[in-house]
Amino acid sequence: MSIEIVYETHATTADNEAGIATGWLPGTLSATGRLQARELGCCRRRRDDGIVAVFT
């Protein structure tokens, strides 16, 4: 049996789009980031990946 661990990073921030690494500072999601978060939260992006557990 093999186990695969999938790590999802935060969605795209306005700083990311401007080429700035936000680091430990709070960032604001860009329009793209809001779409990415919504797709992940609704399981659209990972629907067919066979994920059996999610830890946050």
Protein backbone atom coordinates (compact mmCIF):
# COMPACT_ATOMS: atom_id res chain seq x y z
CA MET A 1 0.00 0.00 0.00
CA SER A 2 1.31 3.44 -0.85
CA ILE A 3 0.28 6.73 0.67
CA GLU A 4 0.38 9.96 -1.24
CA ILE A 5 0.37 13.26 0.63
CA VAL A 6 -0.91 16.30 -1.24
CA TYR A 7 0.02 19.75 0.05
CA GLU A 8 -2.06 22.70 -1.09
CA THR A 9 -0.52 26.13 -0.67
CA HIS A 10 -2.54 29.27 -0.13
CA ALA A 11 -4.34 30.71 -3.11
CA THR A 12 -2.85 33.58 -5.14
CA THR A 13 -2.61 36.91 -3.33
CA ALA A 14 -2.49 40.42 -4.74
CA ASP A 15 1.14 40.57 -3.54
CA ASN A 16 1.96 37.36 -5.46
CA GLU A 17 0.61 38.88 -8.65
CA ALA A 18 2.78 41.96 -8.08
CA GLY A 19 5.87 39.77 -7.63
CA ILE A 20 6.02 40.36 -3.86
CA ALA A 21 6.53 37.52 -1.37
CA THR A 22 4.06 38.22 1.42
CA GLY A 23 5.85 35.90 3.86
CA TRP A 24 4.36 35.96 7.34
CA LEU A 25 2.34 39.11 6.69
CA PRO A 26 -1.39 38.79 6.08
CA GLY A 27 -2.13 38.85 2.39
CA THR A 28 -5.27 39.67 0.46
CA LEU A 29 -6.49 37.16 -2.08
CA SER A 30 -6.63 38.45 -5.62
CA ALA A 31 -9.61 37.71 -7.88
CA THR A 32 -7.69 34.67 -9.13
CA GLY A 33 -6.99 33.60 -5.54
CA ARG A 34 -10.67 33.87 -4.60
CA LEU A 35 -11.56 31.66 -7.57
CA GLN A 36 -8.85 29.12 -6.62
CA ALA A 37 -10.08 28.99 -3.01
CA ARG A 38 -13.68 28.60 -4.12
CA GLU A 39 -12.80 25.76 -6.53
CA LEU A 40 -10.80 23.93 -3.86
CA GLY A 41 -13.47 24.45 -1.22
CA CYS A 42 -16.17 23.10 -3.52
CA CYS A 43 -13.94 20.12 -4.35
CA ARG A 44 -13.92 20.92 -8.07
CA ARG A 45 -10.15 20.92 -8.40
CA ARG A 46 -9.52 17.69 -6.48
CA ARG A 47 -12.81 15.87 -7.12
CA ASP A 48 -11.30 12.93 -9.00
CA ASP A 49 -8.01 12.61 -7.09
CA GLY A 50 -9.22 9.87 -4.72
CA ILE A 51 -8.48 11.89 -1.58
CA VAL A 52 -9.88 10.14 1.48
CA ALA A 53 -8.91 12.61 4.24
CA VAL A 54 -8.29 16.33 4.51
CA PHE A 55 -6.43 18.02 7.37
CA THR A 56 -6.39 21.79 7.76
